[in-house]
Protein backbone atom coordinates (compact mmCIF):
# COMPACT_ATOMS: atom_id res chain seq x y z
CA MET A 1 -0.16 -0.06 0.33
CA LYS A 2 1.31 3.16 -1.06
CA ILE A 3 -0.68 6.59 0.07
CA SER A 4 0.30 10.10 0.85
CA ALA A 5 -1.21 10.77 4.33
CA ARG A 6 1.51 11.18 6.69
CA ASN A 7 -0.72 9.65 9.76
CA VAL A 8 -1.04 6.26 9.52
CA LEU A 9 -1.92 3.61 12.39
CA LYS A 10 -2.19 0.32 12.04
CA GLY A 11 -4.18 -2.05 14.34
CA THR A 12 -6.47 -4.46 14.83
CA VAL A 13 -10.48 -4.27 14.33
CA VAL A 14 -12.18 -4.45 17.61
CA SER A 15 -15.63 -3.63 16.15
CA VAL A 16 -17.69 -3.26 13.40
CA GLU A 17 -21.05 -1.63 13.74
CA LYS A 18 -23.06 -1.25 10.35
CA GLY A 19 -26.15 1.16 10.13
CA ALA A 20 -28.57 1.52 7.03
CA THR A 21 -25.66 2.86 4.94
CA THR A 22 -23.03 3.82 7.36
CA ALA A 23 -20.60 2.06 9.36
CA HIS A 24 -18.35 2.63 12.33
CA VAL A 25 -15.26 1.00 12.50
CA LYS A 26 -13.56 1.07 15.66
CA ILE A 27 -9.76 -0.44 15.12
CA GLU A 28 -7.22 -0.41 18.35
CA VAL A 29 -4.21 1.27 17.44
CA ALA A 30 -2.05 0.40 20.78
CA PRO A 31 -3.30 -1.47 23.97
CA GLY A 32 -6.81 0.63 25.17
CA GLN A 33 -6.68 3.21 21.91
CA VAL A 34 -8.96 3.11 19.88
CA VAL A 35 -9.74 5.26 16.79
CA THR A 36 -13.45 5.02 15.46
CA ALA A 37 -13.99 5.55 11.56
CA SER A 38 -17.19 6.34 9.76
CA ILE A 39 -17.16 4.43 6.24
CA THR A 40 -20.40 2.78 4.09
CA ASN A 41 -21.14 -0.08 4.36
CA ASP A 42 -20.12 -1.28 1.07
CA SER A 43 -16.31 -0.01 2.04
CA VAL A 44 -16.95 -2.36 5.10
CA ASP A 45 -17.97 -4.92 2.76
CA ALA A 46 -15.27 -4.35 -0.24
CA LEU A 47 -12.19 -4.31 2.45
CA LYS A 48 -13.47 -7.78 4.23
CA LEU A 49 -13.62 -5.80 7.93
CA ALA A 50 -13.99 -8.04 10.36
CA ASN A 51 -13.46 -7.95 14.29
CA GLY A 52 -10.01 -9.51 14.76
CA SER A 53 -8.76 -8.09 10.89
CA GLN A 54 -6.02 -6.08 10.34
CA ALA A 55 -6.27 -2.90 9.68
CA TYR A 56 -5.17 0.97 9.38
CA ALA A 57 -6.39 4.06 10.19
CA VAL A 58 -5.50 7.42 7.73
CA VAL A 59 -5.61 10.20 9.46
CA LYS A 60 -5.84 13.21 6.64
CA ALA A 61 -7.49 17.02 7.97
CA SER A 62 -10.47 15.74 10.12
CA ASP A 63 -11.29 12.37 8.34
CA VAL A 64 -10.85 9.18 9.45
CA MET A 65 -10.52 6.52 6.35
CA VAL A 66 -9.21 2.69 6.68
CA ALA A 67 -7.24 1.08 4.69
CA VAL A 68 -5.95 -2.66 4.17
CA ASP A 69 -3.05 -4.48 2.02
């Protein structure tokens, strides 16, 4: 993965809560440190996010995106 954002935090997905169109994905980036991202349900499915999977919290300005290898 190559990305221009400088704030990339690798972690483990600890929660995926899908809503009508948007999901809240919680990624533990250090013991007790969790980052929450709001992304579409389609993105959750495309990235195959599930509890225990590895993912990156990518922080750019006020948004948090999720990336996987």
